[in-house]
Protein backbone atom coordinates (compact mmCIF):
# COMPACT_ATOMS: atom_id res chain seq x y z
CA UNK A 1 18.68 5.02 27.48
CA UNK A 2 17.27 8.45 26.67
CA UNK A 3 14.34 9.89 28.59
CA UNK A 4 13.17 11.91 25.58
CA UNK A 5 9.86 10.72 24.16
CA UNK A 6 9.95 9.11 20.74
CA UNK A 7 8.35 10.83 17.76
CA UNK A 8 5.53 8.95 16.05
CA UNK A 9 6.56 7.97 12.52
CA UNK A 10 3.00 8.39 11.21
CA UNK A 11 1.76 11.68 12.68
CA UNK A 12 5.03 13.27 13.82
CA UNK A 13 3.79 13.95 17.35
CA UNK A 14 6.14 13.55 20.27
CA UNK A 15 3.91 11.99 22.90
CA UNK A 16 4.95 10.25 26.12
CA UNK A 17 3.03 7.12 25.05
CA UNK A 18 4.84 6.72 21.69
CA UNK A 19 6.50 3.29 21.68
CA UNK A 20 8.84 1.47 19.33
CA UNK A 21 6.99 -1.61 18.12
CA UNK A 22 6.96 -4.05 15.22
CA UNK A 23 5.08 -2.54 12.27
CA UNK A 24 1.40 -3.39 12.93
CA UNK A 25 0.66 -3.34 9.18
CA UNK A 26 3.21 -6.00 8.19
CA UNK A 27 2.66 -7.95 11.42
CA UNK A 28 -1.05 -8.31 10.58
CA UNK A 29 -0.43 -9.20 6.92
CA UNK A 30 2.54 -11.53 7.46
CA UNK A 31 2.26 -12.97 11.00
CA UNK A 32 4.55 -15.87 10.08
CA UNK A 33 7.47 -13.53 9.36
CA UNK A 34 9.84 -13.45 12.34
CA UNK A 35 11.41 -10.04 11.70
CA UNK A 36 9.26 -6.93 11.31
CA UNK A 37 10.56 -3.38 11.05
CA UNK A 38 10.52 -1.55 14.39
CA UNK A 39 8.79 1.82 14.20
CA UNK A 40 7.81 4.41 16.79
CA UNK A 41 4.04 4.86 16.90
CA UNK A 42 1.50 6.50 19.18
CA UNK A 43 -1.47 4.26 20.09
CA UNK A 44 -3.96 5.88 17.64
CA UNK A 45 -1.53 5.55 14.71
CA UNK A 46 -0.69 1.95 15.68
CA UNK A 47 -4.40 1.09 15.60
CA UNK A 48 -4.83 2.91 12.27
CA UNK A 49 -1.92 1.02 10.65
CA UNK A 50 -3.32 -2.28 11.91
CA UNK A 51 -6.80 -1.45 10.60
CA UNK A 52 -5.36 -0.38 7.22
CA UNK A 53 -3.86 -3.84 6.79
């Protein structure tokens, strides 16, 4: 596994706390769906995508 930080898909920043996670937008809208797209997000962008849903 690479030690390089991921780049946030929303803001383009390469922060050490960027994580690959299920899309917070689709997860909030369709919680019953078992398979959500994985996307690298920093915490502020993850919160923003969740709030936008």
